[in-house]
Amino acid sequence: MDRTPAHMANMLRFTQELRSLAKGHTLESFTSNRVLCLAVEKLFINLGEAAYRVDSKSVGQWPDIP
């Protein structure tokens, strides 16, 4: 079963969450908040794992996404 659509949806959700968490922060306020940094790190890990699981045959459907 091709889970690519689910992985793409997860990637979108993780990206939206990352943008939401970073919004309104300066670099200083962001880096001084350890919990926020850890949450962002975990979301990037999740994003990478979802990207890794996208079926290689399906990757060609989105040539603009590295």
PDB file of N, CA and C in Angstrom:
ATOM      1  N   MET A   1       0.849  -1.184   0.000  1.00  0.00           N
ATOM      2  CA  MET A   1       0.000   0.000   0.000  1.00  0.00           C
ATOM      3  C   MET A   1       0.889   1.241   0.000  1.00  0.00           C
ATOM      4  N   ASP A   2       0.569   2.173  -0.875  1.00  0.00           N
ATOM      5  CA  ASP A   2       1.341   3.411  -0.984  1.00  0.00           C
ATOM      6  C   ASP A   2       0.899   4.394   0.094  1.00  0.00           C
ATOM      7  N   ARG A   3       1.791   4.700   1.006  1.00  0.00           N
ATOM      8  CA  ARG A   3       1.498   5.622   2.110  1.00  0.00           C
ATOM      9  C   ARG A   3       1.984   7.040   1.803  1.00  0.00           C
ATOM     10  N   THR A   4       2.403   7.282   0.548  1.00  0.00           N
ATOM     11  CA  THR A   4       2.942   8.587   0.187  1.00  0.00           C
ATOM     12  C   THR A   4       1.985   9.729   0.519  1.00  0.00           C
ATOM     13  N   PRO A   5       0.696   9.647   0.202  1.00  0.00           N
ATOM     14  CA  PRO A   5      -0.188  10.760   0.559  1.00  0.00           C
ATOM     15  C   PRO A   5      -0.201  11.053   2.065  1.00  0.00           C
ATOM     16  N   ALA A   6      -0.162  10.023   2.878  1.00  0.00           N
ATOM     17  CA  ALA A   6      -0.137  10.226   4.332  1.00  0.00           C
ATOM     18  C   ALA A   6       1.167  10.885   4.760  1.00  0.00           C
ATOM     19  N   HIS A   7       2.277  10.465   4.167  1.00  0.00           N
ATOM     20  CA  HIS A   7       3.572  11.059   4.512  1.00  0.00           C
ATOM     21  C   HIS A   7       3.625  12.524   4.076  1.00  0.00           C
ATOM     22  N   MET A   8       3.078  12.815   2.912  1.00  0.00           N
ATOM     23  CA  MET A   8       3.047  14.205   2.436  1.00  0.00           C
ATOM     24  C   MET A   8       2.169  15.056   3.351  1.00  0.00           C
ATOM     25  N   ALA A   9       1.038  14.521   3.777  1.00  0.00           N
ATOM     26  CA  ALA A   9       0.169  15.257   4.704  1.00  0.00           C
ATOM     27  C   ALA A   9       0.885  15.509   6.030  1.00  0.00           C
ATOM     28  N   ASN A  10       1.617  14.511   6.505  1.00  0.00           N
ATOM     29  CA  ASN A  10       2.394  14.700   7.732  1.00  0.00           C
ATOM     30  C   ASN A  10       3.453  15.776   7.558  1.00  0.00           C
ATOM     31  N   MET A  11       4.125  15.760   6.417  1.00  0.00           N
ATOM     32  CA  MET A  11       5.153  16.769   6.157  1.00  0.00           C
ATOM     33  C   MET A  11       4.548  18.167   6.162  1.00  0.00           C
ATOM     34  N   LEU A  12       3.391  18.311   5.548  1.00  0.00           N
ATOM     35  CA  LEU A  12       2.714  19.608   5.545  1.00  0.00           C
ATOM     36  C   LEU A  12       2.341  20.025   6.962  1.00  0.00           C
ATOM     37  N   ARG A  13       1.786  19.097   7.725  1.00  0.00           N
ATOM     38  CA  ARG A  13       1.393  19.400   9.103  1.00  0.00           C
ATOM     39  C   ARG A  13       2.599  19.792   9.955  1.00  0.00           C
ATOM     40  N   PHE A  14       3.710  19.074   9.812  1.00  0.00           N
ATOM     41  CA  PHE A  14       4.916  19.406  10.569  1.00  0.00           C
ATOM     42  C   PHE A  14       5.440  20.787  10.182  1.00  0.00           C
ATOM     43  N   THR A  15       5.401  21.098   8.899  1.00  0.00           N
ATOM     44  CA  THR A  15       5.865  22.403   8.431  1.00  0.00           C
ATOM     45  C   THR A  15       4.983  23.525   8.973  1.00  0.00           C
ATOM     46  N   GLN A  16       3.686  23.314   8.962  1.00  0.00           N
ATOM     47  CA  GLN A  16       2.771  24.321   9.510  1.00  0.00           C
ATOM     48  C   GLN A  16       3.020  24.523  11.002  1.00  0.00           C
ATOM     49  N   GLU A  17       3.251  23.445  11.707  1.00  0.00           N
ATOM     50  CA  GLU A  17       3.530  23.523  13.139  1.00  0.00           C
ATOM     51  C   GLU A  17       4.840  24.271  13.401  1.00  0.00           C
ATOM     52  N   LEU A  18       5.854  23.989  12.595  1.00  0.00           N
ATOM     53  CA  LEU A  18       7.136  24.683  12.739  1.00  0.00           C
ATOM     54  C   LEU A  18       6.968  26.183  12.523  1.00  0.00           C
ATOM     55  N   ARG A  19       6.252  26.538  11.498  1.00  0.00           N
ATOM     56  CA  ARG A  19       6.020  27.966  11.223  1.00  0.00           C
ATOM     57  C   ARG A  19       5.274  28.629  12.370  1.00  0.00           C
ATOM     58  N   SER A  20       4.294  27.930  12.906  1.00  0.00           N
ATOM     59  CA  SER A  20       3.509  28.454  14.018  1.00  0.00           C
ATOM     60  C   SER A  20       4.378  28.667  15.257  1.00  0.00           C
ATOM     61  N   LEU A  21       5.248  27.722  15.541  1.00  0.00           N
ATOM     62  CA  LEU A  21       6.102  27.838  16.723  1.00  0.00           C
ATOM     63  C   LEU A  21       7.121  28.966  16.595  1.00  0.00           C
ATOM     64  N   ALA A  22       7.623  29.179  15.381  1.00  0.00           N
ATOM     65  CA  ALA A  22       8.661  30.192  15.179  1.00  0.00           C
ATOM     66  C   ALA A  22       8.099  31.606  15.060  1.00  0.00           C
ATOM     67  N   LYS A  23       6.834  31.713  14.722  1.00  0.00           N
ATOM     68  CA  LYS A  23       6.228  33.014  14.478  1.00  0.00           C
ATOM     69  C   LYS A  23       6.311  33.917  15.713  1.00  0.00           C
ATOM     70  N   GLY A  24       6.759  35.134  15.487  1.00  0.00           N
ATOM     71  CA  GLY A  24       6.790  36.130  16.546  1.00  0.00           C
ATOM     72  C   GLY A  24       8.025  36.086  17.435  1.00  0.00           C
ATOM     73  N   HIS A  25       8.937  35.174  17.155  1.00  0.00           N
ATOM     74  CA  HIS A  25      10.141  35.073  17.977  1.00  0.00           C
ATOM     75  C   HIS A  25      11.315  35.743  17.287  1.00  0.00           C
ATOM     76  N   THR A  26      12.126  36.409  18.080  1.00  0.00           N
ATOM     77  CA  THR A  26      13.420  36.856  17.583  1.00  0.00           C
ATOM     78  C   THR A  26      14.375  35.683  17.748  1.00  0.00           C
ATOM     79  N   LEU A  27      15.537  35.790  17.157  1.00  0.00           N
ATOM     80  CA  LEU A  27      16.521  34.729  17.321  1.00  0.00           C
ATOM     81  C   LEU A  27      16.863  34.549  18.793  1.00  0.00           C
ATOM     82  N   GLU A  28      16.990  35.647  19.501  1.00  0.00           N
ATOM     83  CA  GLU A  28      17.346  35.588  20.920  1.00  0.00           C
ATOM     84  C   GLU A  28      16.247  34.934  21.756  1.00  0.00           C
ATOM     85  N   SER A  29      15.001  35.328  21.528  1.00  0.00           N
ATOM     86  CA  SER A  29      13.910  34.746  22.316  1.00  0.00           C
ATOM     87  C   SER A  29      13.708  33.268  21.978  1.00  0.00           C
ATOM     88  N   PHE A  30      13.957  32.928  20.715  1.00  0.00           N
ATOM     89  CA  PHE A  30      13.821  31.538  20.297  1.00  0.00           C
ATOM     90  C   PHE A  30      14.903  30.666  20.940  1.00  0.00           C
ATOM     91  N   THR A  31      16.152  31.092  20.819  1.00  0.00           N
ATOM     92  CA  THR A  31      17.258  30.275  21.320  1.00  0.00           C
ATOM     93  C   THR A  31      17.320  30.228  22.841  1.00  0.00           C
ATOM     94  N   SER A  32      16.700  31.173  23.498  1.00  0.00           N
ATOM     95  CA  SER A  32      16.721  31.157  24.962  1.00  0.00           C
ATOM     96  C   SER A  32      15.614  30.270  25.547  1.00  0.00           C
ATOM     97  N   ASN A  33      14.733  29.766  24.712  1.00  0.00           N
ATOM     98  CA  ASN A  33      13.637  28.910  25.155  1.00  0.00           C
ATOM     99  C   ASN A  33      13.971  27.453  24.822  1.00  0.00           C
ATOM    100  N   ARG A  34      14.528  26.750  25.791  1.00  0.00           N
ATOM    101  CA  ARG A  34      15.006  25.377  25.569  1.00  0.00           C
ATOM    102  C   ARG A  34      13.887  24.433  25.134  1.00  0.00           C
ATOM    103  N   VAL A  35      12.728  24.544  25.741  1.00  0.00           N
ATOM    104  CA  VAL A  35      11.610  23.661  25.399  1.00  0.00           C
ATOM    105  C   VAL A  35      11.173  23.902  23.952  1.00  0.00           C
ATOM    106  N   LEU A  36      11.119  25.144  23.549  1.00  0.00           N
ATOM    107  CA  LEU A  36      10.756  25.479  22.175  1.00  0.00           C
ATOM    108  C   LEU A  36      11.786  24.914  21.197  1.00  0.00           C
ATOM    109  N   CYS A  37      13.051  25.057  21.509  1.00  0.00           N
ATOM    110  CA  CYS A  37      14.101  24.523  20.640  1.00  0.00           C
ATOM    111  C   CYS A  37      13.999  23.011  20.510  1.00  0.00           C
ATOM    112  N   LEU A  38      13.733  22.337  21.605  1.00  0.00           N
ATOM    113  CA  LEU A  38      13.584  20.880  21.554  1.00  0.00           C
ATOM    114  C   LEU A  38      12.361  20.473  20.744  1.00  0.00           C
ATOM    115  N   ALA A  39      11.278  21.208  20.883  1.00  0.00           N
ATOM    116  CA  ALA A  39      10.066  20.908  20.116  1.00  0.00           C
ATOM    117  C   ALA A  39      10.319  21.086  18.626  1.00  0.00           C
ATOM    118  N   VAL A  40      11.005  22.148  18.269  1.00  0.00           N
ATOM    119  CA  VAL A  40      11.319  22.406  16.863  1.00  0.00           C
ATOM    120  C   VAL A  40      12.253  21.324  16.326  1.00  0.00           C
ATOM    121  N   GLU A  41      13.237  20.951  17.117  1.00  0.00           N
ATOM    122  CA  GLU A  41      14.147  19.887  16.698  1.00  0.00           C
ATOM    123  C   GLU A  41      13.381  18.587  16.430  1.00  0.00           C
ATOM    124  N   LYS A  42      12.469  18.239  17.304  1.00  0.00           N
ATOM    125  CA  LYS A  42      11.679  17.015  17.129  1.00  0.00           C
ATOM    126  C   LYS A  42      10.806  17.089  15.875  1.00  0.00           C
ATOM    127  N   LEU A  43      10.225  18.241  15.618  1.00  0.00           N
ATOM    128  CA  LEU A  43       9.408  18.383  14.415  1.00  0.00           C
ATOM    129  C   LEU A  43      10.263  18.248  13.153  1.00  0.00           C
ATOM    130  N   PHE A  44      11.488  18.766  13.168  1.00  0.00           N
ATOM    131  CA  PHE A  44      12.376  18.602  12.020  1.00  0.00           C
ATOM    132  C   PHE A  44      12.756  17.133  11.832  1.00  0.00           C
ATOM    133  N   ILE A  45      12.971  16.423  12.922  1.00  0.00           N
ATOM    134  CA  ILE A  45      13.255  14.993  12.837  1.00  0.00           C
ATOM    135  C   ILE A  45      12.063  14.266  12.226  1.00  0.00           C
ATOM    136  N   ASN A  46      10.870  14.577  12.703  1.00  0.00           N
ATOM    137  CA  ASN A  46       9.652  13.954  12.162  1.00  0.00           C
ATOM    138  C   ASN A  46       9.478  14.278  10.680  1.00  0.00           C
ATOM    139  N   LEU A  47       9.750  15.518  10.310  1.00  0.00           N
ATOM    140  CA  LEU A  47       9.642  15.941   8.918  1.00  0.00           C
ATOM    141  C   LEU A  47      10.605  15.142   8.045  1.00  0.00           C
ATOM    142  N   GLY A  48      11.834  14.995   8.502  1.00  0.00           N
ATOM    143  CA  GLY A  48      12.819  14.220   7.747  1.00  0.00           C
ATOM    144  C   GLY A  48      12.445  12.759   7.617  1.00  0.00           C
ATOM    145  N   GLU A  49      11.907  12.180   8.681  1.00  0.00           N
ATOM    146  CA  GLU A  49      11.492  10.782   8.630  1.00  0.00           C
ATOM    147  C   GLU A  49      10.334  10.582   7.646  1.00  0.00           C
ATOM    148  N   ALA A  50       9.397  11.511   7.643  1.00  0.00           N
ATOM    149  CA  ALA A  50       8.283  11.412   6.700  1.00  0.00           C
ATOM    150  C   ALA A  50       8.781  11.566   5.266  1.00  0.00           C
ATOM    151  N   ALA A  51       9.711  12.494   5.047  1.00  0.00           N
ATOM    152  CA  ALA A  51      10.272  12.694   3.704  1.00  0.00           C
ATOM    153  C   ALA A  51      11.023  11.452   3.242  1.00  0.00           C
ATOM    154  N   TYR A  52      11.749  10.831   4.139  1.00  0.00           N
ATOM    155  CA  TYR A  52      12.503   9.625   3.808  1.00  0.00           C
ATOM    156  C   TYR A  52      11.586   8.487   3.383  1.00  0.00           C
ATOM    157  N   ARG A  53      10.392   8.455   3.916  1.00  0.00           N
ATOM    158  CA  ARG A  53       9.458   7.354   3.646  1.00  0.00           C
ATOM    159  C   ARG A  53       8.600   7.559   2.397  1.00  0.00           C
ATOM    160  N   VAL A  54       8.713   8.723   1.763  1.00  0.00           N
ATOM    161  CA  VAL A  54       7.963   8.951   0.529  1.00  0.00           C
ATOM    162  C   VAL A  54       8.494   7.994  -0.529  1.00  0.00           C
ATOM    163  N   ASP A  55       7.596   7.291  -1.186  1.00  0.00           N
ATOM    164  CA  ASP A  55       7.957   6.317  -2.209  1.00  0.00           C
ATOM    165  C   ASP A  55       8.770   6.984  -3.311  1.00  0.00           C
ATOM    166  N   SER A  56       9.894   6.374  -3.678  1.00  0.00           N
ATOM    167  CA  SER A  56      10.794   6.957  -4.679  1.00  0.00           C
ATOM    168  C   SER A  56      10.105   7.140  -6.031  1.00  0.00           C
ATOM    169  N   LYS A  57       9.144   6.305  -6.347  1.00  0.00           N
ATOM    170  CA  LYS A  57       8.408   6.453  -7.611  1.00  0.00           C
ATOM    171  C   LYS A  57       7.517   7.685  -7.585  1.00  0.00           C
ATOM    172  N   SER A  58       7.070   8.059  -6.398  1.00  0.00           N
ATOM    173  CA  SER A  58       6.172   9.209  -6.273  1.00  0.00           C
ATOM    174  C   SER A  58       6.914  10.530  -6.243  1.00  0.00           C
ATOM    175  N   VAL A  59       8.196  10.501  -5.957  1.00  0.00           N
ATOM    176  CA  VAL A  59       8.968  11.731  -5.831  1.00  0.00           C
ATOM    177  C   VAL A  59       8.923  12.546  -7.118  1.00  0.00           C
ATOM    178  N   GLY A  60       8.902  11.884  -8.259  1.00  0.00           N
ATOM    179  CA  GLY A  60       8.860  12.563  -9.537  1.00  0.00           C
ATOM    180  C   GLY A  60       7.620  13.397  -9.759  1.00  0.00           C
ATOM    181  N   GLN A  61       6.579  13.164  -9.006  1.00  0.00           N
ATOM    182  CA  GLN A  61       5.345  13.929  -9.149  1.00  0.00           C
ATOM    183  C   GLN A  61       5.503  15.358  -8.638  1.00  0.00           C
ATOM    184  N   TRP A  62       6.501  15.564  -7.780  1.00  0.00           N
ATOM    185  CA  TRP A  62       6.733  16.892  -7.187  1.00  0.00           C
ATOM    186  C   TRP A  62       8.165  17.333  -7.451  1.00  0.00           C
ATOM    187  N   PRO A  63       8.503  17.679  -8.707  1.00  0.00           N
ATOM    188  CA  PRO A  63       9.891  18.016  -9.039  1.00  0.00           C
ATOM    189  C   PRO A  63      10.401  19.272  -8.356  1.00  0.00           C
ATOM    190  N   ASP A  64       9.501  20.149  -7.906  1.00  0.00           N
ATOM    191  CA  ASP A  64       9.930  21.398  -7.272  1.00  0.00           C
ATOM    192  C   ASP A  64      10.245  21.241  -5.792  1.00  0.00           C
ATOM    193  N   ILE A  65       9.968  20.059  -5.231  1.00  0.00           N
ATOM    194  CA  ILE A  65      10.225  19.814  -3.815  1.00  0.00           C
ATOM    195  C   ILE A  65      11.487  18.973  -3.703  1.00  0.00           C
ATOM    196  N   PRO A  66      12.539  19.551  -3.099  1.00  0.00           N
ATOM    197  CA  PRO A  66      13.795  18.779  -2.977  1.00  0.00           C
ATOM    198  C   PRO A  66      13.649  17.610  -2.022  1.00  0.00           C
TER     199      PRO A  66
END
